[in-house]
PDB file of N, CA and C in Angstrom:
ATOM      1  N   MET A   1     -99.382 340.062 143.563  1.00  0.00           N
ATOM      2  CA  MET A   1     -98.825 339.667 142.298  1.00  0.00           C
ATOM      3  C   MET A   1     -99.077 340.784 141.298  1.00  0.00           C
ATOM      4  N   LYS A   2     -98.005 341.358 140.795  1.00  0.00           N
ATOM      5  CA  LYS A   2     -98.114 342.425 139.804  1.00  0.00           C
ATOM      6  C   LYS A   2     -98.196 341.811 138.413  1.00  0.00           C
ATOM      7  N   LYS A   3     -99.221 342.182 137.677  1.00  0.00           N
ATOM      8  CA  LYS A   3     -99.410 341.642 136.343  1.00  0.00           C
ATOM      9  C   LYS A   3     -98.352 342.204 135.398  1.00  0.00           C
ATOM     10  N   LEU A   4     -97.808 341.338 134.560  1.00  0.00           N
ATOM     11  CA  LEU A   4     -96.802 341.750 133.588  1.00  0.00           C
ATOM     12  C   LEU A   4     -97.474 342.364 132.364  1.00  0.00           C
ATOM     13  N   LYS A   5     -96.737 343.241 131.710  1.00  0.00           N
ATOM     14  CA  LYS A   5     -97.211 343.775 130.442  1.00  0.00           C
ATOM     15  C   LYS A   5     -97.120 342.641 129.420  1.00  0.00           C
ATOM     16  N   ASN A   6     -98.130 342.461 128.603  1.00  0.00           N
ATOM     17  CA  ASN A   6     -98.201 341.384 127.605  1.00  0.00           C
ATOM     18  C   ASN A   6     -98.196 339.997 128.247  1.00  0.00           C
ATOM     19  N   GLU A   7     -98.788 339.849 129.414  1.00  0.00           N
ATOM     20  CA  GLU A   7     -98.733 338.562 130.116  1.00  0.00           C
ATOM     21  C   GLU A   7     -99.403 337.437 129.328  1.00  0.00           C
ATOM     22  N   ALA A   8    -100.489 337.723 128.658  1.00  0.00           N
ATOM     23  CA  ALA A   8    -101.186 336.680 127.887  1.00  0.00           C
ATOM     24  C   ALA A   8    -100.306 336.170 126.743  1.00  0.00           C
ATOM     25  N   GLU A   9     -99.635 337.089 126.052  1.00  0.00           N
ATOM     26  CA  GLU A   9     -98.751 336.695 124.962  1.00  0.00           C
ATOM     27  C   GLU A   9     -97.517 335.962 125.491  1.00  0.00           C
ATOM     28  N   LEU A  10     -97.017 336.414 126.643  1.00  0.00           N
ATOM     29  CA  LEU A  10     -95.877 335.729 127.261  1.00  0.00           C
ATOM     30  C   LEU A  10     -96.267 334.306 127.658  1.00  0.00           C
ATOM     31  N   LEU A  11     -97.483 334.120 128.139  1.00  0.00           N
ATOM     32  CA  LEU A  11     -97.942 332.785 128.514  1.00  0.00           C
ATOM     33  C   LEU A  11     -98.031 331.885 127.285  1.00  0.00           C
ATOM     34  N   LYS A  12     -98.539 332.405 126.175  1.00  0.00           N
ATOM     35  CA  LYS A  12     -98.604 331.614 124.941  1.00  0.00           C
ATOM     36  C   LYS A  12     -97.205 331.187 124.509  1.00  0.00           C
ATOM     37  N   LYS A  13     -96.261 332.111 124.590  1.00  0.00           N
ATOM     38  CA  LYS A  13     -94.873 331.812 124.236  1.00  0.00           C
ATOM     39  C   LYS A  13     -94.300 330.769 125.196  1.00  0.00           C
ATOM     40  N   ALA A  14     -94.594 330.895 126.481  1.00  0.00           N
ATOM     41  CA  ALA A  14     -94.110 329.953 127.486  1.00  0.00           C
ATOM     42  C   ALA A  14     -94.659 328.549 127.231  1.00  0.00           C
ATOM     43  N   LEU A  15     -95.924 328.455 126.839  1.00  0.00           N
ATOM     44  CA  LEU A  15     -96.502 327.147 126.543  1.00  0.00           C
ATOM     45  C   LEU A  15     -95.835 326.516 125.325  1.00  0.00           C
ATOM     46  N   THR A  16     -95.544 327.310 124.321  1.00  0.00           N
ATOM     47  CA  THR A  16     -94.885 326.800 123.118  1.00  0.00           C
ATOM     48  C   THR A  16     -93.469 326.317 123.433  1.00  0.00           C
ATOM     49  N   ILE A  17     -92.695 327.173 124.085  1.00  0.00           N
ATOM     50  CA  ILE A  17     -91.309 326.829 124.426  1.00  0.00           C
ATOM     51  C   ILE A  17     -91.289 325.693 125.453  1.00  0.00           C
ATOM     52  N   GLY A  18     -92.185 325.748 126.422  1.00  0.00           N
ATOM     53  CA  GLY A  18     -92.252 324.717 127.446  1.00  0.00           C
ATOM     54  C   GLY A  18     -92.597 323.355 126.885  1.00  0.00           C
ATOM     55  N   GLU A  19     -93.476 323.319 125.910  1.00  0.00           N
ATOM     56  CA  GLU A  19     -93.816 322.042 125.290  1.00  0.00           C
ATOM     57  C   GLU A  19     -92.612 321.468 124.558  1.00  0.00           C
ATOM     58  N   ARG A  20     -91.866 322.311 123.851  1.00  0.00           N
ATOM     59  CA  ARG A  20     -90.649 321.842 123.182  1.00  0.00           C
ATOM     60  C   ARG A  20     -89.632 321.324 124.195  1.00  0.00           C
ATOM     61  N   TYR A  21     -89.521 322.030 125.320  1.00  0.00           N
ATOM     62  CA  TYR A  21     -88.611 321.603 126.377  1.00  0.00           C
ATOM     63  C   TYR A  21     -89.030 320.232 126.912  1.00  0.00           C
ATOM     64  N   ALA A  22     -90.323 320.041 127.136  1.00  0.00           N
ATOM     65  CA  ALA A  22     -90.828 318.772 127.661  1.00  0.00           C
ATOM     66  C   ALA A  22     -90.560 317.632 126.681  1.00  0.00           C
ATOM     67  N   VAL A  23     -90.754 317.882 125.402  1.00  0.00           N
ATOM     68  CA  VAL A  23     -90.503 316.852 124.387  1.00  0.00           C
ATOM     69  C   VAL A  23     -89.013 316.502 124.366  1.00  0.00           C
ATOM     70  N   ASN A  24     -88.141 317.499 124.462  1.00  0.00           N
ATOM     71  CA  ASN A  24     -86.701 317.247 124.493  1.00  0.00           C
ATOM     72  C   ASN A  24     -86.292 316.462 125.734  1.00  0.00           C
ATOM     73  N   ARG A  25     -87.071 316.581 126.797  1.00  0.00           N
ATOM     74  CA  ARG A  25     -86.804 315.842 128.030  1.00  0.00           C
ATOM     75  C   ARG A  25     -87.349 314.422 127.976  1.00  0.00           C
ATOM     76  N   GLY A  26     -88.069 314.082 126.901  1.00  0.00           N
ATOM     77  CA  GLY A  26     -88.561 312.725 126.733  1.00  0.00           C
ATOM     78  C   GLY A  26     -90.046 312.550 126.972  1.00  0.00           C
ATOM     79  N   TYR A  27     -90.762 313.620 127.246  1.00  0.00           N
ATOM     80  CA  TYR A  27     -92.206 313.526 127.434  1.00  0.00           C
ATOM     81  C   TYR A  27     -92.904 313.544 126.089  1.00  0.00           C
ATOM     82  N   ASN A  28     -94.084 312.932 126.049  1.00  0.00           N
ATOM     83  CA  ASN A  28     -94.897 313.018 124.840  1.00  0.00           C
ATOM     84  C   ASN A  28     -95.414 314.438 124.704  1.00  0.00           C
ATOM     85  N   SER A  29     -95.595 314.880 123.466  1.00  0.00           N
ATOM     86  CA  SER A  29     -96.142 316.229 123.290  1.00  0.00           C
ATOM     87  C   SER A  29     -97.620 316.212 123.670  1.00  0.00           C
ATOM     88  N   PHE A  30     -98.151 317.393 123.914  1.00  0.00           N
ATOM     89  CA  PHE A  30     -99.559 317.508 124.273  1.00  0.00           C
ATOM     90  C   PHE A  30    -100.416 317.215 123.056  1.00  0.00           C
ATOM     91  N   SER A  31    -101.539 316.576 123.290  1.00  0.00           N
ATOM     92  CA  SER A  31    -102.459 316.323 122.186  1.00  0.00           C
ATOM     93  C   SER A  31    -103.401 317.520 122.050  1.00  0.00           C
ATOM     94  N   ALA A  32    -104.126 317.527 120.959  1.00  0.00           N
ATOM     95  CA  ALA A  32    -105.049 318.632 120.696  1.00  0.00           C
ATOM     96  C   ALA A  32    -106.194 318.652 121.707  1.00  0.00           C
ATOM     97  N   THR A  33    -106.429 317.537 122.363  1.00  0.00           N
ATOM     98  CA  THR A  33    -107.542 317.473 123.311  1.00  0.00           C
ATOM     99  C   THR A  33    -107.157 317.918 124.721  1.00  0.00           C
ATOM    100  N   ASN A  34    -105.855 318.142 124.977  1.00  0.00           N
ATOM    101  CA  ASN A  34    -105.441 318.637 126.286  1.00  0.00           C
ATOM    102  C   ASN A  34    -105.890 320.080 126.447  1.00  0.00           C
ATOM    103  N   SER A  35    -106.450 320.380 127.612  1.00  0.00           N
ATOM    104  CA  SER A  35    -106.895 321.751 127.861  1.00  0.00           C
ATOM    105  C   SER A  35    -105.696 322.618 128.214  1.00  0.00           C
ATOM    106  N   ALA A  36    -105.860 323.914 128.078  1.00  0.00           N
ATOM    107  CA  ALA A  36    -104.797 324.859 128.431  1.00  0.00           C
ATOM    108  C   ALA A  36    -104.482 324.757 129.920  1.00  0.00           C
ATOM    109  N   LYS A  37    -105.503 324.489 130.719  1.00  0.00           N
ATOM    110  CA  LYS A  37    -105.311 324.348 132.161  1.00  0.00           C
ATOM    111  C   LYS A  37    -104.360 323.189 132.469  1.00  0.00           C
ATOM    112  N   ASP A  38    -104.559 322.068 131.776  1.00  0.00           N
ATOM    113  CA  ASP A  38    -103.687 320.906 131.975  1.00  0.00           C
ATOM    114  C   ASP A  38    -102.263 321.192 131.512  1.00  0.00           C
ATOM    115  N   LYS A  39    -102.135 321.889 130.400  1.00  0.00           N
ATOM    116  CA  LYS A  39    -100.805 322.224 129.888  1.00  0.00           C
ATOM    117  C   LYS A  39    -100.054 323.122 130.871  1.00  0.00           C
ATOM    118  N   VAL A  40    -100.737 324.131 131.394  1.00  0.00           N
ATOM    119  CA  VAL A  40    -100.114 325.057 132.340  1.00  0.00           C
ATOM    120  C   VAL A  40     -99.632 324.305 133.568  1.00  0.00           C
ATOM    121  N   GLU A  41    -100.486 323.458 134.122  1.00  0.00           N
ATOM    122  CA  GLU A  41    -100.109 322.735 135.332  1.00  0.00           C
ATOM    123  C   GLU A  41     -98.975 321.752 135.067  1.00  0.00           C
ATOM    124  N   SER A  42     -99.024 321.041 133.951  1.00  0.00           N
ATOM    125  CA  SER A  42     -97.967 320.082 133.623  1.00  0.00           C
ATOM    126  C   SER A  42     -96.620 320.771 133.441  1.00  0.00           C
ATOM    127  N   LEU A  43     -96.613 321.863 132.684  1.00  0.00           N
ATOM    128  CA  LEU A  43     -95.360 322.573 132.451  1.00  0.00           C
ATOM    129  C   LEU A  43     -94.827 323.199 133.734  1.00  0.00           C
ATOM    130  N   TYR A  44     -95.720 323.743 134.534  1.00  0.00           N
ATOM    131  CA  TYR A  44     -95.305 324.320 135.813  1.00  0.00           C
ATOM    132  C   TYR A  44     -94.624 323.255 136.663  1.00  0.00           C
ATOM    133  N   ARG A  45     -95.246 322.098 136.784  1.00  0.00           N
ATOM    134  CA  ARG A  45     -94.693 321.030 137.619  1.00  0.00           C
ATOM    135  C   ARG A  45     -93.373 320.497 137.058  1.00  0.00           C
ATOM    136  N   LEU A  46     -93.257 320.417 135.737  1.00  0.00           N
ATOM    137  CA  LEU A  46     -92.001 319.980 135.124  1.00  0.00           C
ATOM    138  C   LEU A  46     -90.876 320.973 135.419  1.00  0.00           C
ATOM    139  N   LEU A  47     -91.150 322.259 135.257  1.00  0.00           N
ATOM    140  CA  LEU A  47     -90.127 323.280 135.500  1.00  0.00           C
ATOM    141  C   LEU A  47     -89.736 323.352 136.974  1.00  0.00           C
ATOM    142  N   VAL A  48     -90.686 323.143 137.859  1.00  0.00           N
ATOM    143  CA  VAL A  48     -90.364 323.107 139.288  1.00  0.00           C
ATOM    144  C   VAL A  48     -89.511 321.877 139.594  1.00  0.00           C
ATOM    145  N   ASN A  49     -89.888 320.741 139.014  1.00  0.00           N
ATOM    146  CA  ASN A  49     -89.143 319.506 139.237  1.00  0.00           C
ATOM    147  C   ASN A  49     -87.699 319.627 138.746  1.00  0.00           C
ATOM    148  N   ASP A  50     -87.503 320.319 137.617  1.00  0.00           N
ATOM    149  CA  ASP A  50     -86.163 320.519 137.059  1.00  0.00           C
ATOM    150  C   ASP A  50     -85.445 321.707 137.684  1.00  0.00           C
ATOM    151  N   LYS A  51     -86.088 322.337 138.651  1.00  0.00           N
ATOM    152  CA  LYS A  51     -85.536 323.479 139.390  1.00  0.00           C
ATOM    153  C   LYS A  51     -85.213 324.676 138.483  1.00  0.00           C
ATOM    154  N   LEU A  52     -86.049 324.871 137.462  1.00  0.00           N
ATOM    155  CA  LEU A  52     -85.907 326.034 136.589  1.00  0.00           C
ATOM    156  C   LEU A  52     -86.720 327.213 137.090  1.00  0.00           C
ATOM    157  N   ILE A  53     -87.740 326.928 137.881  1.00  0.00           N
ATOM    158  CA  ILE A  53     -88.505 327.986 138.541  1.00  0.00           C
ATOM    159  C   ILE A  53     -88.702 327.585 139.992  1.00  0.00           C
ATOM    160  N   GLN A  54     -88.878 328.582 140.830  1.00  0.00           N
ATOM    161  CA  GLN A  54     -89.108 328.328 142.249  1.00  0.00           C
ATOM    162  C   GLN A  54     -90.576 327.986 142.456  1.00  0.00           C
ATOM    163  N   PRO A  55     -90.864 326.956 143.243  1.00  0.00           N
ATOM    164  CA  PRO A  55     -92.274 326.573 143.436  1.00  0.00           C
ATOM    165  C   PRO A  55     -93.055 327.610 144.228  1.00  0.00           C
ATOM    166  N   LEU A  56     -94.336 327.644 143.960  1.00  0.00           N
ATOM    167  CA  LEU A  56     -95.249 328.495 144.716  1.00  0.00           C
ATOM    168  C   LEU A  56     -95.502 327.865 146.085  1.00  0.00           C
ATOM    169  N   ALA A  57     -95.934 328.668 147.011  1.00  0.00           N
ATOM    170  CA  ALA A  57     -96.361 328.140 148.303  1.00  0.00           C
ATOM    171  C   ALA A  57     -97.585 327.252 148.072  1.00  0.00           C
ATOM    172  N   VAL A  58     -97.725 326.238 148.878  1.00  0.00           N
ATOM    173  CA  VAL A  58     -98.799 325.257 148.693  1.00  0.00           C
ATOM    174  C   VAL A  58    -100.176 325.909 148.699  1.00  0.00           C
ATOM    175  N   ASP A  59    -100.381 326.897 149.545  1.00  0.00           N
ATOM    176  CA  ASP A  59    -101.695 327.534 149.627  1.00  0.00           C
ATOM    177  C   ASP A  59    -101.987 328.472 148.457  1.00  0.00           C
ATOM    178  N   SER A  60    -100.978 328.831 147.665  1.00  0.00           N
ATOM    179  CA  SER A  60    -101.222 329.726 146.522  1.00  0.00           C
ATOM    180  C   SER A  60    -100.968 329.029 145.190  1.00  0.00           C
ATOM    181  N   GLU A  61    -101.010 327.704 145.172  1.00  0.00           N
ATOM    182  CA  GLU A  61    -100.812 326.944 143.944  1.00  0.00           C
ATOM    183  C   GLU A  61    -102.134 326.846 143.196  1.00  0.00           C
ATOM    184  N   ASP A  62    -102.447 327.871 142.414  1.00  0.00           N
ATOM    185  CA  ASP A  62    -103.661 327.874 141.622  1.00  0.00           C
ATOM    186  C   ASP A  62    -103.316 328.317 140.196  1.00  0.00           C
ATOM    187  N   GLN A  63    -104.293 328.226 139.303  1.00  0.00           N
ATOM    188  CA  GLN A  63    -104.052 328.514 137.894  1.00  0.00           C
ATOM    189  C   GLN A  63    -103.505 329.909 137.623  1.00  0.00           C
ATOM    190  N   PRO A  64    -104.095 330.970 138.173  1.00  0.00           N
ATOM    191  CA  PRO A  64    -103.552 332.302 137.874  1.00  0.00           C
ATOM    192  C   PRO A  64    -102.087 332.460 138.306  1.00  0.00           C
ATOM    193  N   ASN A  65    -101.743 331.910 139.464  1.00  0.00           N
ATOM    194  CA  ASN A  65    -100.363 332.019 139.929  1.00  0.00           C
ATOM    195  C   ASN A  65     -99.410 331.167 139.099  1.00  0.00           C
ATOM    196  N   MET A  66     -99.859 329.992 138.668  1.00  0.00           N
ATOM    197  CA  MET A  66     -99.027 329.150 137.805  1.00  0.00           C
ATOM    198  C   MET A  66     -98.789 329.832 136.461  1.00  0.00           C
ATOM    199  N   LYS A  67     -99.837 330.429 135.918  1.00  0.00           N
ATOM    200  CA  LYS A  67     -99.697 331.152 134.648  1.00  0.00           C
ATOM    201  C   LYS A  67     -98.720 332.312 134.802  1.00  0.00           C
ATOM    202  N   HIS A  68     -98.822 333.022 135.911  1.00  0.00           N
ATOM    203  CA  HIS A  68     -97.934 334.149 136.168  1.00  0.00           C
ATOM    204  C   HIS A  68     -96.483 333.667 136.273  1.00  0.00           C
ATOM    205  N   LYS A  69     -96.255 332.557 136.959  1.00  0.00           N
ATOM    206  CA  LYS A  69     -94.905 331.991 137.091  1.00  0.00           C
ATOM    207  C   LYS A  69     -94.338 331.616 135.731  1.00  0.00           C
ATOM    208  N   LEU A  70     -95.157 331.009 134.870  1.00  0.00           N
ATOM    209  CA  LEU A  70     -94.692 330.645 133.532  1.00  0.00           C
ATOM    210  C   LEU A  70     -94.364 331.889 132.708  1.00  0.00           C
ATOM    211  N   ALA A  71     -95.177 332.920 132.840  1.00  0.00           N
ATOM    212  CA  ALA A  71     -94.915 334.169 132.118  1.00  0.00           C
ATOM    213  C   ALA A  71     -93.623 334.809 132.620  1.00  0.00           C
ATOM    214  N   LEU A  72     -93.387 334.779 133.925  1.00  0.00           N
ATOM    215  CA  LEU A  72     -92.133 335.308 134.473  1.00  0.00           C
ATOM    216  C   LEU A  72     -90.939 334.506 133.980  1.00  0.00           C
ATOM    217  N   TRP A  73     -91.092 333.192 133.929  1.00  0.00           N
ATOM    218  CA  TRP A  73     -90.010 332.318 133.477  1.00  0.00           C
ATOM    219  C   TRP A  73     -89.613 332.650 132.044  1.00  0.00           C
ATOM    220  N   ILE A  74     -90.596 332.764 131.153  1.00  0.00           N
ATOM    221  CA  ILE A  74     -90.264 333.020 129.750  1.00  0.00           C
ATOM    222  C   ILE A  74     -89.748 334.440 129.569  1.00  0.00           C
ATOM    223  N   ALA A  75     -90.227 335.388 130.362  1.00  0.00           N
ATOM    224  CA  ALA A  75     -89.745 336.768 130.249  1.00  0.00           C
ATOM    225  C   ALA A  75     -88.256 336.841 130.583  1.00  0.00           C
ATOM    226  N   LYS A  76     -87.815 336.006 131.512  1.00  0.00           N
ATOM    227  CA  LYS A  76     -86.391 335.991 131.872  1.00  0.00           C
ATOM    228  C   LYS A  76     -85.546 335.277 130.826  1.00  0.00           C
ATOM    229  N   GLN A  77     -86.165 334.414 130.018  1.00  0.00           N
ATOM    230  CA  GLN A  77     -85.442 333.670 129.000  1.00  0.00           C
ATOM    231  C   GLN A  77     -85.286 334.452 127.698  1.00  0.00           C
ATOM    232  N   LEU A  78     -86.167 335.403 127.457  1.00  0.00           N
ATOM    233  CA  LEU A  78     -86.143 336.160 126.209  1.00  0.00           C
ATOM    234  C   LEU A  78     -84.996 337.167 126.205  1.00  0.00           C
ATOM    235  N   PRO A  79     -84.458 337.473 125.025  1.00  0.00           N
ATOM    236  CA  PRO A  79     -83.408 338.495 124.949  1.00  0.00           C
ATOM    237  C   PRO A  79     -83.938 339.877 125.325  1.00  0.00           C
ATOM    238  N   ALA A  80     -83.051 340.755 125.699  1.00  0.00           N
ATOM    239  CA  ALA A  80     -83.429 342.068 126.248  1.00  0.00           C
ATOM    240  C   ALA A  80     -84.328 342.883 125.318  1.00  0.00           C
ATOM    241  N   GLY A  81     -84.116 342.873 124.041  1.00  0.00           N
ATOM    242  CA  GLY A  81     -84.882 343.709 123.144  1.00  0.00           C
ATOM    243  C   GLY A  81     -86.094 343.033 122.523  1.00  0.00           C
ATOM    244  N   HIS A  82     -86.531 341.927 123.052  1.00  0.00           N
ATOM    245  CA  HIS A  82     -87.646 341.179 122.450  1.00  0.00           C
ATOM    246  C   HIS A  82     -88.926 342.017 122.502  1.00  0.00           C
ATOM    247  N   GLU A  83     -89.758 341.842 121.481  1.00  0.00           N
ATOM    248  CA  GLU A  83     -90.977 342.657 121.345  1.00  0.00           C
ATOM    249  C   GLU A  83     -91.979 342.439 122.478  1.00  0.00           C
ATOM    250  N   LEU A  84     -92.014 341.252 123.087  1.00  0.00           N
ATOM    251  CA  LEU A  84     -92.960 340.997 124.166  1.00  0.00           C
ATOM    252  C   LEU A  84     -92.551 341.674 125.480  1.00  0.00           C
ATOM    253  N   LEU A  85     -91.318 342.105 125.574  1.00  0.00           N
ATOM    254  CA  LEU A  85     -90.845 342.747 126.792  1.00  0.00           C
ATOM    255  C   LEU A  85     -90.987 344.263 126.762  1.00  0.00           C
ATOM    256  N   LYS A  86     -91.415 344.795 125.624  1.00  0.00           N
ATOM    257  CA  LYS A  86     -91.559 346.261 125.498  1.00  0.00           C
ATOM    258  C   LYS A  86     -92.883 346.735 126.021  1.00  0.00           C
TER     259      LYS A  86
END
């Protein structure tokens, strides 16, 4: 797995956009007490269920890989000249 440039910032953006997507789909928004780990896993599973991202292999379904998948997902959604892609 090759680490993306600005991966941490891309993940923050993915969590923000992903939460809005989940709310638009009818899910309750995350509360302040939800951990980042729970948010990452919930959003990953929602996006896989909606077939917006390809699922990881069962043996490599862990937090770092889920975070990487979310960062890849948001990087593909951003416009070409976005500051996080530079």
